[in-house]
C-alpha atoms as a PDB file:
ATOM      1  CA  UNK A   1     107.525  77.587 -60.384  1.00  0.00           C
ATOM      2  CA  UNK A   2     110.863  79.387 -60.259  1.00  0.00           C
ATOM      3  CA  UNK A   3     111.250  82.225 -57.776  1.00  0.00           C
ATOM      4  CA  UNK A   4     112.067  84.648 -60.606  1.00  0.00           C
ATOM      5  CA  UNK A   5     110.347  85.268 -63.935  1.00  0.00           C
ATOM      6  CA  UNK A   6     113.656  86.061 -65.637  1.00  0.00           C
ATOM      7  CA  UNK A   7     117.227  84.960 -65.134  1.00  0.00           C
ATOM      8  CA  UNK A   8     120.635  86.424 -65.897  1.00  0.00           C
ATOM      9  CA  UNK A   9     123.839  84.842 -67.103  1.00  0.00           C
ATOM     10  CA  UNK A  10     127.288  85.949 -68.173  1.00  0.00           C
ATOM     11  CA  UNK A  11     129.478  84.536 -70.913  1.00  0.00           C
ATOM     12  CA  UNK A  12     133.135  85.601 -71.004  1.00  0.00           C
ATOM     13  CA  UNK A  13     134.455  85.188 -74.535  1.00  0.00           C
ATOM     14  CA  UNK A  14     138.174  84.342 -74.364  1.00  0.00           C
ATOM     15  CA  UNK A  15     139.864  84.753 -77.758  1.00  0.00           C
ATOM     16  CA  UNK A  16     143.454  83.640 -78.464  1.00  0.00           C
ATOM     17  CA  UNK A  17     145.456  86.466 -80.005  1.00  0.00           C
ATOM     18  CA  UNK A  18     148.851  84.860 -80.646  1.00  0.00           C
ATOM     19  CA  UNK A  19     151.025  81.815 -80.042  1.00  0.00           C
ATOM     20  CA  UNK A  20     154.340  82.945 -78.581  1.00  0.00           C
ATOM     21  CA  UNK A  21     157.449  81.571 -76.925  1.00  0.00           C
ATOM     22  CA  UNK A  22     159.822  82.970 -74.370  1.00  0.00           C
ATOM     23  CA  UNK A  23     162.326  84.362 -76.855  1.00  0.00           C
ATOM     24  CA  UNK A  24     159.554  86.520 -78.372  1.00  0.00           C
ATOM     25  CA  UNK A  25     158.589  88.276 -75.133  1.00  0.00           C
ATOM     26  CA  UNK A  26     160.406  91.539 -75.891  1.00  0.00           C
ATOM     27  CA  UNK A  27     158.798  91.949 -79.313  1.00  0.00           C
ATOM     28  CA  UNK A  28     155.315  91.152 -77.991  1.00  0.00           C
ATOM     29  CA  UNK A  29     155.722  93.452 -74.991  1.00  0.00           C
ATOM     30  CA  UNK A  30     156.766  96.359 -77.242  1.00  0.00           C
ATOM     31  CA  UNK A  31     153.732  95.773 -79.457  1.00  0.00           C
ATOM     32  CA  UNK A  32     151.286  95.650 -76.546  1.00  0.00           C
ATOM     33  CA  UNK A  33     152.647  98.863 -75.019  1.00  0.00           C
ATOM     34  CA  UNK A  34     152.773 100.667 -78.359  1.00  0.00           C
ATOM     35  CA  UNK A  35     149.181  99.723 -79.246  1.00  0.00           C
ATOM     36  CA  UNK A  36     147.785  99.967 -75.702  1.00  0.00           C
ATOM     37  CA  UNK A  37     146.445  96.406 -75.959  1.00  0.00           C
ATOM     38  CA  UNK A  38     145.567  94.214 -72.990  1.00  0.00           C
ATOM     39  CA  UNK A  39     145.510  90.402 -73.197  1.00  0.00           C
ATOM     40  CA  UNK A  40     144.495  89.602 -69.601  1.00  0.00           C
ATOM     41  CA  UNK A  41     144.127  85.792 -69.727  1.00  0.00           C
ATOM     42  CA  UNK A  42     146.776  83.403 -70.988  1.00  0.00           C
ATOM     43  CA  UNK A  43     147.091  79.681 -71.604  1.00  0.00           C
ATOM     44  CA  UNK A  44     150.398  77.885 -71.186  1.00  0.00           C
ATOM     45  CA  UNK A  45     150.541  74.745 -73.280  1.00  0.00           C
ATOM     46  CA  UNK A  46     152.753  72.428 -75.250  1.00  0.00           C
ATOM     47  CA  UNK A  47     152.898  71.429 -78.894  1.00  0.00           C
ATOM     48  CA  UNK A  48     155.344  69.283 -80.905  1.00  0.00           C
ATOM     49  CA  UNK A  49     158.911  70.515 -81.237  1.00  0.00           C
ATOM     50  CA  UNK A  50     159.961  71.343 -84.819  1.00  0.00           C
ATOM     51  CA  UNK A  51     163.552  71.178 -86.113  1.00  0.00           C
ATOM     52  CA  UNK A  52     164.694  71.995 -89.657  1.00  0.00           C
ATOM     53  CA  UNK A  53     166.580  69.167 -91.377  1.00  0.00           C
ATOM     54  CA  UNK A  54     170.060  70.534 -92.040  1.00  0.00           C
ATOM     55  CA  UNK A  55     170.689  71.077 -95.743  1.00  0.00           C
ATOM     56  CA  UNK A  56     167.040  70.614 -96.757  1.00  0.00           C
ATOM     57  CA  UNK A  57     166.236  74.229 -97.731  1.00  0.00           C
ATOM     58  CA  UNK A  58     166.038  74.837-101.464  1.00  0.00           C
ATOM     59  CA  UNK A  59     164.843  77.887-103.399  1.00  0.00           C
ATOM     60  CA  UNK A  60     162.424  77.523-106.292  1.00  0.00           C
ATOM     61  CA  UNK A  61     160.488  79.525-108.829  1.00  0.00           C
ATOM     62  CA  UNK A  62     157.447  79.745-106.548  1.00  0.00           C
ATOM     63  CA  UNK A  63     158.900  80.019-103.058  1.00  0.00           C
ATOM     64  CA  UNK A  64     161.076  77.413-101.383  1.00  0.00           C
ATOM     65  CA  UNK A  65     160.974  73.903 -99.944  1.00  0.00           C
ATOM     66  CA  UNK A  66     162.340  72.449 -96.735  1.00  0.00           C
ATOM     67  CA  UNK A  67     162.085  69.413 -94.525  1.00  0.00           C
ATOM     68  CA  UNK A  68     161.538  69.320 -90.775  1.00  0.00           C
ATOM     69  CA  UNK A  69     161.505  66.775 -88.001  1.00  0.00           C
ATOM     70  CA  UNK A  70     158.371  67.022 -85.838  1.00  0.00           C
ATOM     71  CA  UNK A  71     158.644  65.662 -82.327  1.00  0.00           C
ATOM     72  CA  UNK A  72     156.686  62.602 -81.250  1.00  0.00           C
ATOM     73  CA  UNK A  73     156.392  60.706 -77.927  1.00  0.00           C
ATOM     74  CA  UNK A  74     159.198  58.408 -76.868  1.00  0.00           C
ATOM     75  CA  UNK A  75     161.906  60.816 -78.043  1.00  0.00           C
ATOM     76  CA  UNK A  76     160.887  59.998 -81.607  1.00  0.00           C
ATOM     77  CA  UNK A  77     160.293  62.324 -84.543  1.00  0.00           C
ATOM     78  CA  UNK A  78     158.918  62.072 -88.050  1.00  0.00           C
ATOM     79  CA  UNK A  79     160.088  63.932 -91.099  1.00  0.00           C
ATOM     80  CA  UNK A  80     157.743  66.097 -93.157  1.00  0.00           C
ATOM     81  CA  UNK A  81     158.354  68.099 -96.299  1.00  0.00           C
ATOM     82  CA  UNK A  82     156.827  71.524 -96.938  1.00  0.00           C
ATOM     83  CA  UNK A  83     156.548  73.799 -99.935  1.00  0.00           C
ATOM     84  CA  UNK A  84     156.294  77.423 -98.829  1.00  0.00           C
ATOM     85  CA  UNK A  85     154.678  79.080-101.798  1.00  0.00           C
ATOM     86  CA  UNK A  86     155.452  82.658-102.782  1.00  0.00           C
ATOM     87  CA  UNK A  87     157.446  84.737-105.236  1.00  0.00           C
ATOM     88  CA  UNK A  88     160.902  83.518-106.255  1.00  0.00           C
ATOM     89  CA  UNK A  89     163.616  84.182-103.677  1.00  0.00           C
ATOM     90  CA  UNK A  90     166.158  86.595-105.277  1.00  0.00           C
ATOM     91  CA  UNK A  91     169.487  85.125-106.335  1.00  0.00           C
ATOM     92  CA  UNK A  92     171.418  87.356-103.923  1.00  0.00           C
ATOM     93  CA  UNK A  93     169.297  86.234-100.931  1.00  0.00           C
ATOM     94  CA  UNK A  94     170.071  83.043 -99.044  1.00  0.00           C
ATOM     95  CA  UNK A  95     167.839  81.009 -96.746  1.00  0.00           C
ATOM     96  CA  UNK A  96     169.787  79.327 -93.947  1.00  0.00           C
ATOM     97  CA  UNK A  97     169.246  77.740 -90.559  1.00  0.00           C
ATOM     98  CA  UNK A  98     171.850  77.415 -87.832  1.00  0.00           C
ATOM     99  CA  UNK A  99     172.017  74.943 -84.951  1.00  0.00           C
ATOM    100  CA  UNK A 100     169.728  74.133 -83.180  1.00  0.00           C
ATOM    101  CA  UNK A 101     167.825  74.579 -86.480  1.00  0.00           C
ATOM    102  CA  UNK A 102     164.688  76.106 -84.988  1.00  0.00           C
ATOM    103  CA  UNK A 103     164.831  79.406 -86.929  1.00  0.00           C
ATOM    104  CA  UNK A 104     164.823  80.185 -90.650  1.00  0.00           C
ATOM    105  CA  UNK A 105     167.150  83.104 -91.433  1.00  0.00           C
ATOM    106  CA  UNK A 106     167.133  85.282 -94.541  1.00  0.00           C
ATOM    107  CA  UNK A 107     170.639  86.481 -95.405  1.00  0.00           C
ATOM    108  CA  UNK A 108     171.955  88.982 -97.961  1.00  0.00           C
ATOM    109  CA  UNK A 109     175.585  89.862 -98.573  1.00  0.00           C
ATOM    110  CA  UNK A 110     176.509  87.794 -95.537  1.00  0.00           C
ATOM    111  CA  UNK A 111     174.232  89.813 -93.254  1.00  0.00           C
ATOM    112  CA  UNK A 112     171.142  88.455 -91.491  1.00  0.00           C
ATOM    113  CA  UNK A 113     168.062  90.470 -92.459  1.00  0.00           C
ATOM    114  CA  UNK A 114     165.182  88.438 -91.022  1.00  0.00           C
ATOM    115  CA  UNK A 115     164.577  85.589 -88.589  1.00  0.00           C
ATOM    116  CA  UNK A 116     161.401  83.472 -88.516  1.00  0.00           C
ATOM    117  CA  UNK A 117     160.686  80.689 -86.043  1.00  0.00           C
ATOM    118  CA  UNK A 118     159.979  77.559 -88.026  1.00  0.00           C
ATOM    119  CA  UNK A 119     157.022  76.636 -85.799  1.00  0.00           C
ATOM    120  CA  UNK A 120     155.398  80.002 -86.600  1.00  0.00           C
ATOM    121  CA  UNK A 121     156.061  79.593 -90.311  1.00  0.00           C
ATOM    122  CA  UNK A 122     154.522  76.117 -90.495  1.00  0.00           C
ATOM    123  CA  UNK A 123     151.652  76.432 -88.031  1.00  0.00           C
ATOM    124  CA  UNK A 124     149.072  77.109 -90.739  1.00  0.00           C
ATOM    125  CA  UNK A 125     150.258  74.080 -92.727  1.00  0.00           C
ATOM    126  CA  UNK A 126     150.765  71.521 -89.943  1.00  0.00           C
ATOM    127  CA  UNK A 127     147.667  70.644 -87.932  1.00  0.00           C
ATOM    128  CA  UNK A 128     149.685  69.045 -85.124  1.00  0.00           C
ATOM    129  CA  UNK A 129     151.284  72.432 -84.397  1.00  0.00           C
ATOM    130  CA  UNK A 130     147.830  73.914 -83.771  1.00  0.00           C
ATOM    131  CA  UNK A 131     146.885  71.311 -81.139  1.00  0.00           C
ATOM    132  CA  UNK A 132     147.647  72.849 -77.744  1.00  0.00           C
ATOM    133  CA  UNK A 133     147.866  70.644 -74.670  1.00  0.00           C
ATOM    134  CA  UNK A 134     146.767  72.899 -71.802  1.00  0.00           C
ATOM    135  CA  UNK A 135     149.165  72.876 -68.821  1.00  0.00           C
ATOM    136  CA  UNK A 136     148.293  76.104 -67.008  1.00  0.00           C
ATOM    137  CA  UNK A 137     145.804  78.978 -67.209  1.00  0.00           C
ATOM    138  CA  UNK A 138     146.480  82.351 -65.609  1.00  0.00           C
ATOM    139  CA  UNK A 139     145.646  86.023 -65.653  1.00  0.00           C
ATOM    140  CA  UNK A 140     147.733  89.144 -66.163  1.00  0.00           C
ATOM    141  CA  UNK A 141     146.074  92.150 -64.589  1.00  0.00           C
ATOM    142  CA  UNK A 142     148.230  94.782 -62.917  1.00  0.00           C
ATOM    143  CA  UNK A 143     148.382  98.433 -61.988  1.00  0.00           C
ATOM    144  CA  UNK A 144     149.314 100.961 -64.634  1.00  0.00           C
ATOM    145  CA  UNK A 145     148.650 101.243 -68.357  1.00  0.00           C
ATOM    146  CA  UNK A 146     152.042  99.745 -69.224  1.00  0.00           C
ATOM    147  CA  UNK A 147     151.405  96.451 -67.415  1.00  0.00           C
ATOM    148  CA  UNK A 148     151.127  93.614 -69.939  1.00  0.00           C
ATOM    149  CA  UNK A 149     150.933  89.847 -69.955  1.00  0.00           C
ATOM    150  CA  UNK A 150     154.704  89.833 -70.562  1.00  0.00           C
ATOM    151  CA  UNK A 151     155.282  91.578 -67.208  1.00  0.00           C
ATOM    152  CA  UNK A 152     153.482  88.695 -65.545  1.00  0.00           C
ATOM    153  CA  UNK A 153     155.214  85.936 -67.504  1.00  0.00           C
ATOM    154  CA  UNK A 154     158.734  87.329 -67.249  1.00  0.00           C
ATOM    155  CA  UNK A 155     158.995  86.434 -63.547  1.00  0.00           C
ATOM    156  CA  UNK A 156     156.572  83.522 -63.335  1.00  0.00           C
ATOM    157  CA  UNK A 157     157.914  80.631 -61.273  1.00  0.00           C
ATOM    158  CA  UNK A 158     155.253  78.187 -62.499  1.00  0.00           C
ATOM    159  CA  UNK A 159     156.101  78.925 -66.129  1.00  0.00           C
ATOM    160  CA  UNK A 160     159.767  78.273 -65.423  1.00  0.00           C
ATOM    161  CA  UNK A 161     158.837  74.974 -63.777  1.00  0.00           C
ATOM    162  CA  UNK A 162     156.863  73.968 -66.879  1.00  0.00           C
ATOM    163  CA  UNK A 163     159.863  74.780 -69.088  1.00  0.00           C
ATOM    164  CA  UNK A 164     162.116  72.700 -66.830  1.00  0.00           C
ATOM    165  CA  UNK A 165     159.757  69.704 -66.722  1.00  0.00           C
ATOM    166  CA  UNK A 166     159.143  69.676 -70.477  1.00  0.00           C
ATOM    167  CA  UNK A 167     162.853  69.958 -71.296  1.00  0.00           C
ATOM    168  CA  UNK A 168     163.727  67.079 -68.971  1.00  0.00           C
ATOM    169  CA  UNK A 169     160.721  64.779 -69.391  1.00  0.00           C
ATOM    170  CA  UNK A 170     159.200  65.563 -72.783  1.00  0.00           C
ATOM    171  CA  UNK A 171     161.965  66.857 -75.080  1.00  0.00           C
ATOM    172  CA  UNK A 172     159.827  66.161 -78.153  1.00  0.00           C
ATOM    173  CA  UNK A 173     157.546  69.028 -77.075  1.00  0.00           C
ATOM    174  CA  UNK A 174     158.001  72.777 -76.741  1.00  0.00           C
ATOM    175  CA  UNK A 175     156.244  75.236 -74.458  1.00  0.00           C
ATOM    176  CA  UNK A 176     154.006  77.878 -76.002  1.00  0.00           C
ATOM    177  CA  UNK A 177     151.956  80.704 -74.493  1.00  0.00           C
ATOM    178  CA  UNK A 178     148.618  81.803 -75.902  1.00  0.00           C
ATOM    179  CA  UNK A 179     147.626  85.274 -74.607  1.00  0.00           C
ATOM    180  CA  UNK A 180     143.921  86.016 -74.961  1.00  0.00           C
ATOM    181  CA  UNK A 181     141.590  88.982 -75.081  1.00  0.00           C
ATOM    182  CA  UNK A 182     138.200  88.860 -73.380  1.00  0.00           C
ATOM    183  CA  UNK A 183     134.761  90.219 -74.148  1.00  0.00           C
ATOM    184  CA  UNK A 184     131.604  89.926 -72.002  1.00  0.00           C
ATOM    185  CA  UNK A 185     128.224  88.827 -73.289  1.00  0.00           C
ATOM    186  CA  UNK A 186     125.315  89.342 -70.901  1.00  0.00           C
ATOM    187  CA  UNK A 187     122.542  86.797 -71.253  1.00  0.00           C
ATOM    188  CA  UNK A 188     118.923  86.942 -70.188  1.00  0.00           C
ATOM    189  CA  UNK A 189     115.880  84.698 -70.468  1.00  0.00           C
ATOM    190  CA  UNK A 190     112.302  84.563 -69.315  1.00  0.00           C
ATOM    191  CA  UNK A 191     109.743  81.794 -69.116  1.00  0.00           C
ATOM    192  CA  UNK A 192     107.041  82.417 -71.720  1.00  0.00           C
ATOM    193  CA  UNK A 193     104.460  80.491 -69.719  1.00  0.00           C
ATOM    194  CA  UNK A 194     105.259  82.517 -66.588  1.00  0.00           C
ATOM    195  CA  UNK A 195     103.732  85.703 -67.952  1.00  0.00           C
ATOM    196  CA  UNK A 196     100.229  86.953 -68.549  1.00  0.00           C
ATOM    197  CA  UNK A 197      99.219  88.281 -71.923  1.00  0.00           C
ATOM    198  CA  UNK A 198     100.767  91.682 -72.534  1.00  0.00           C
ATOM    199  CA  UNK A 199     103.392  91.336 -69.781  1.00  0.00           C
ATOM    200  CA  UNK A 200     106.260  90.169 -71.983  1.00  0.00           C
ATOM    201  CA  UNK A 201     107.445  93.664 -72.919  1.00  0.00           C
ATOM    202  CA  UNK A 202     107.507  94.699 -69.265  1.00  0.00           C
ATOM    203  CA  UNK A 203     109.558  91.628 -68.310  1.00  0.00           C
ATOM    204  CA  UNK A 204     112.012  92.205 -71.152  1.00  0.00           C
ATOM    205  CA  UNK A 205     112.425  95.821 -70.022  1.00  0.00           C
ATOM    206  CA  UNK A 206     112.971  94.766 -66.402  1.00  0.00           C
ATOM    207  CA  UNK A 207     115.454  92.117 -67.473  1.00  0.00           C
ATOM    208  CA  UNK A 208     117.396  94.577 -69.629  1.00  0.00           C
ATOM    209  CA  UNK A 209     117.509  97.024 -66.717  1.00  0.00           C
ATOM    210  CA  UNK A 210     118.769  94.284 -64.401  1.00  0.00           C
ATOM    211  CA  UNK A 211     121.568  93.351 -66.813  1.00  0.00           C
ATOM    212  CA  UNK A 212     122.503  96.979 -67.439  1.00  0.00           C
ATOM    213  CA  UNK A 213     122.697  97.771 -63.717  1.00  0.00           C
ATOM    214  CA  UNK A 214     124.659  94.641 -62.865  1.00  0.00           C
ATOM    215  CA  UNK A 215     127.542  94.514 -65.317  1.00  0.00           C
ATOM    216  CA  UNK A 216     130.982  93.560 -64.045  1.00  0.00           C
ATOM    217  CA  UNK A 217     134.239  95.525 -63.940  1.00  0.00           C
ATOM    218  CA  UNK A 218     137.067  94.198 -66.080  1.00  0.00           C
ATOM    219  CA  UNK A 219     138.901  92.590 -63.155  1.00  0.00           C
ATOM    220  CA  UNK A 220     135.792  90.570 -62.229  1.00  0.00           C
ATOM    221  CA  UNK A 221     135.375  89.423 -65.829  1.00  0.00           C
ATOM    222  CA  UNK A 222     138.980  88.218 -65.847  1.00  0.00           C
ATOM    223  CA  UNK A 223     138.509  86.422 -62.519  1.00  0.00           C
ATOM    224  CA  UNK A 224     135.378  84.646 -63.746  1.00  0.00           C
ATOM    225  CA  UNK A 225     136.779  83.700 -67.146  1.00  0.00           C
ATOM    226  CA  UNK A 226     140.018  82.391 -65.691  1.00  0.00           C
ATOM    227  CA  UNK A 227     138.316  80.428 -62.904  1.00  0.00           C
ATOM    228  CA  UNK A 228     135.753  78.794 -65.217  1.00  0.00           C
ATOM    229  CA  UNK A 229     138.417  77.655 -67.679  1.00  0.00           C
ATOM    230  CA  UNK A 230     140.654  76.323 -64.906  1.00  0.00           C
ATOM    231  CA  UNK A 231     137.754  74.349 -63.461  1.00  0.00           C
ATOM    232  CA  UNK A 232     136.971  72.952 -66.913  1.00  0.00           C
ATOM    233  CA  UNK A 233     140.500  71.894 -67.898  1.00  0.00           C
ATOM    234  CA  UNK A 234     141.857  71.221 -64.395  1.00  0.00           C
ATOM    235  CA  UNK A 235     145.408  71.844 -65.710  1.00  0.00           C
ATOM    236  CA  UNK A 236     148.269  70.015 -64.041  1.00  0.00           C
ATOM    237  CA  UNK A 237     150.052  73.164 -62.848  1.00  0.00           C
ATOM    238  CA  UNK A 238     147.015  75.046 -61.494  1.00  0.00           C
ATOM    239  CA  UNK A 239     146.117  74.596 -57.835  1.00  0.00           C
ATOM    240  CA  UNK A 240     143.199  77.021 -57.347  1.00  0.00           C
ATOM    241  CA  UNK A 241     139.724  76.544 -58.881  1.00  0.00           C
ATOM    242  CA  UNK A 242     140.382  73.048 -60.208  1.00  0.00           C
ATOM    243  CA  UNK A 243     137.773  71.538 -57.868  1.00  0.00           C
ATOM    244  CA  UNK A 244     135.998  74.420 -56.129  1.00  0.00           C
ATOM    245  CA  UNK A 245     134.498  76.707 -58.776  1.00  0.00           C
ATOM    246  CA  UNK A 246     132.000  78.193 -58.353  1.00  0.00           C
ATOM    247  CA  UNK A 247     132.132  78.940 -54.641  1.00  0.00           C
ATOM    248  CA  UNK A 248     130.021  81.683 -53.047  1.00  0.00           C
ATOM    249  CA  UNK A 249     132.679  82.247 -50.391  1.00  0.00           C
ATOM    250  CA  UNK A 250     135.332  83.282 -52.927  1.00  0.00           C
ATOM    251  CA  UNK A 251     135.831  87.052 -52.927  1.00  0.00           C
ATOM    252  CA  UNK A 252     137.177  87.087 -56.494  1.00  0.00           C
ATOM    253  CA  UNK A 253     133.715  86.876 -58.013  1.00  0.00           C
ATOM    254  CA  UNK A 254     131.268  87.551 -55.164  1.00  0.00           C
ATOM    255  CA  UNK A 255     129.503  90.241 -57.232  1.00  0.00           C
ATOM    256  CA  UNK A 256     128.036  87.526 -59.456  1.00  0.00           C
ATOM    257  CA  UNK A 257     126.215  86.052 -56.460  1.00  0.00           C
ATOM    258  CA  UNK A 258     125.140  89.439 -55.139  1.00  0.00           C
ATOM    259  CA  UNK A 259     123.632  90.308 -58.535  1.00  0.00           C
ATOM    260  CA  UNK A 260     121.786  86.957 -58.609  1.00  0.00           C
ATOM    261  CA  UNK A 261     123.407  85.734 -61.779  1.00  0.00           C
ATOM    262  CA  UNK A 262     122.409  82.140 -62.414  1.00  0.00           C
ATOM    263  CA  UNK A 263     125.058  80.937 -64.841  1.00  0.00           C
ATOM    264  CA  UNK A 264     128.637  81.749 -65.703  1.00  0.00           C
ATOM    265  CA  UNK A 265     130.132  80.615 -68.986  1.00  0.00           C
ATOM    266  CA  UNK A 266     133.645  80.947 -70.341  1.00  0.00           C
ATOM    267  CA  UNK A 267     134.164  80.282 -74.039  1.00  0.00           C
ATOM    268  CA  UNK A 268     137.686  79.665 -75.300  1.00  0.00           C
ATOM    269  CA  UNK A 269     137.347  80.361 -79.024  1.00  0.00           C
ATOM    270  CA  UNK A 270     140.175  78.933 -81.078  1.00  0.00           C
ATOM    271  CA  UNK A 271     138.385  78.987 -84.434  1.00  0.00           C
ATOM    272  CA  UNK A 272     139.900  82.219 -85.765  1.00  0.00           C
ATOM    273  CA  UNK A 273     143.460  80.944 -85.318  1.00  0.00           C
ATOM    274  CA  UNK A 274     142.387  77.351 -86.047  1.00  0.00           C
ATOM    275  CA  UNK A 275     143.667  76.190 -82.651  1.00  0.00           C
ATOM    276  CA  UNK A 276     142.383  73.216 -80.700  1.00  0.00           C
ATOM    277  CA  UNK A 277     142.840  72.799 -76.951  1.00  0.00           C
ATOM    278  CA  UNK A 278     142.994  69.585 -74.943  1.00  0.00           C
ATOM    279  CA  UNK A 279     144.606  67.787 -72.021  1.00  0.00           C
ATOM    280  CA  UNK A 280     144.001  64.638 -69.989  1.00  0.00           C
ATOM    281  CA  UNK A 281     140.604  65.993 -68.878  1.00  0.00           C
ATOM    282  CA  UNK A 282     139.244  67.636 -72.040  1.00  0.00           C
ATOM    283  CA  UNK A 283     139.119  66.159 -75.555  1.00  0.00           C
ATOM    284  CA  UNK A 284     140.508  68.318 -78.397  1.00  0.00           C
ATOM    285  CA  UNK A 285     138.130  71.038 -79.537  1.00  0.00           C
ATOM    286  CA  UNK A 286     138.425  74.471 -81.101  1.00  0.00           C
ATOM    287  CA  UNK A 287     135.525  76.007 -79.165  1.00  0.00           C
ATOM    288  CA  UNK A 288     135.609  75.167 -75.475  1.00  0.00           C
ATOM    289  CA  UNK A 289     132.446  75.892 -73.489  1.00  0.00           C
ATOM    290  CA  UNK A 290     132.817  75.911 -69.710  1.00  0.00           C
ATOM    291  CA  UNK A 291     129.368  76.397 -68.158  1.00  0.00           C
ATOM    292  CA  UNK A 292     128.599  76.536 -64.438  1.00  0.00           C
ATOM    293  CA  UNK A 293     125.509  77.231 -62.358  1.00  0.00           C
ATOM    294  CA  UNK A 294     125.787  79.643 -59.461  1.00  0.00           C
ATOM    295  CA  UNK A 295     122.389  79.076 -57.888  1.00  0.00           C
ATOM    296  CA  UNK A 296     120.774  75.840 -56.783  1.00  0.00           C
ATOM    297  CA  UNK A 297     118.359  73.988 -59.045  1.00  0.00           C
ATOM    298  CA  UNK A 298     115.502  75.075 -56.807  1.00  0.00           C
ATOM    299  CA  UNK A 299     116.258  78.729 -57.513  1.00  0.00           C
ATOM    300  CA  UNK A 300     117.064  78.594 -61.200  1.00  0.00           C
ATOM    301  CA  UNK A 301     116.079  77.349 -64.623  1.00  0.00           C
ATOM    302  CA  UNK A 302     118.492  76.064 -67.216  1.00  0.00           C
ATOM    303  CA  UNK A 303     120.188  78.749 -69.287  1.00  0.00           C
ATOM    304  CA  UNK A 304     119.979  76.383 -72.267  1.00  0.00           C
ATOM    305  CA  UNK A 305     116.359  75.221 -71.880  1.00  0.00           C
ATOM    306  CA  UNK A 306     114.866  75.294 -75.415  1.00  0.00           C
ATOM    307  CA  UNK A 307     111.476  76.236 -73.953  1.00  0.00           C
ATOM    308  CA  UNK A 308     112.763  79.587 -72.755  1.00  0.00           C
ATOM    309  CA  UNK A 309     113.065  82.873 -74.535  1.00  0.00           C
ATOM    310  CA  UNK A 310     116.692  83.682 -75.063  1.00  0.00           C
ATOM    311  CA  UNK A 311     118.083  87.199 -75.224  1.00  0.00           C
ATOM    312  CA  UNK A 312     121.675  87.981 -76.157  1.00  0.00           C
ATOM    313  CA  UNK A 313     123.171  91.371 -75.327  1.00  0.00           C
ATOM    314  CA  UNK A 314     126.712  92.421 -76.115  1.00  0.00           C
ATOM    315  CA  UNK A 315     128.704  95.047 -74.238  1.00  0.00           C
ATOM    316  CA  UNK A 316     125.814  96.477 -72.221  1.00  0.00           C
END
């Protein structure tokens, strides 16, 4: 018999919000500050490098066509052709790309009017551009309302090391950053055979009270979500949490132990953007579930035991 009739768990939902690169930092930072948005966890990864084939862009009656070279291992690349459907491009508008042929530029009367990164334009059409190899996972939480993930990344020595290593050792790849929002889900369960007749409602009430009185501040949620994902992926450029999460001695999430939470889950949800995440440790998947027990088996029951009653509360 377990020492408790009900148990508590926490799931931190980590949702990718964008795929960005270093030359887009200023635009993203302005958006985050203007909208007051916080994306406190980020994934640094790599995906294939895309280069427009010079002279391949041609306007049509329903959009335009172009060819690109997509990077492959061994300094190889393969050519693919794309039809970008849409209304006809006006006769007085030109579509060009300049060396190094990574950006599609719209030009009118000799003046540039719009620039679009080719990887952003083709991501929905090319599955390989949506496969993110995870190299590093971090958090961006600072003082002040104006602090954003871009503040953290703009002076990040590990990110610069990743850029250097990829450029020198894997030139067929490019570095991308996936900033993420988070949302907590508080989980509770009870053993149906651990109650007497008529006691279920009382246990549910007690469990709800326990969850309500033991929610976590935002910084703790970020700490837990980041640590669980690092432990799951064990990224090459992370040093903390890759082998020692969870650990009761770590001050970054001690409240979870004090509140007697039994399980911590982090869910990296790439479905909305159709992203998959992988590395040498984790096979490609669009919904990554990192689940860890905080208490010993003697003191807990499985959060996924089908014999239990499962309760799911959002934003208590």
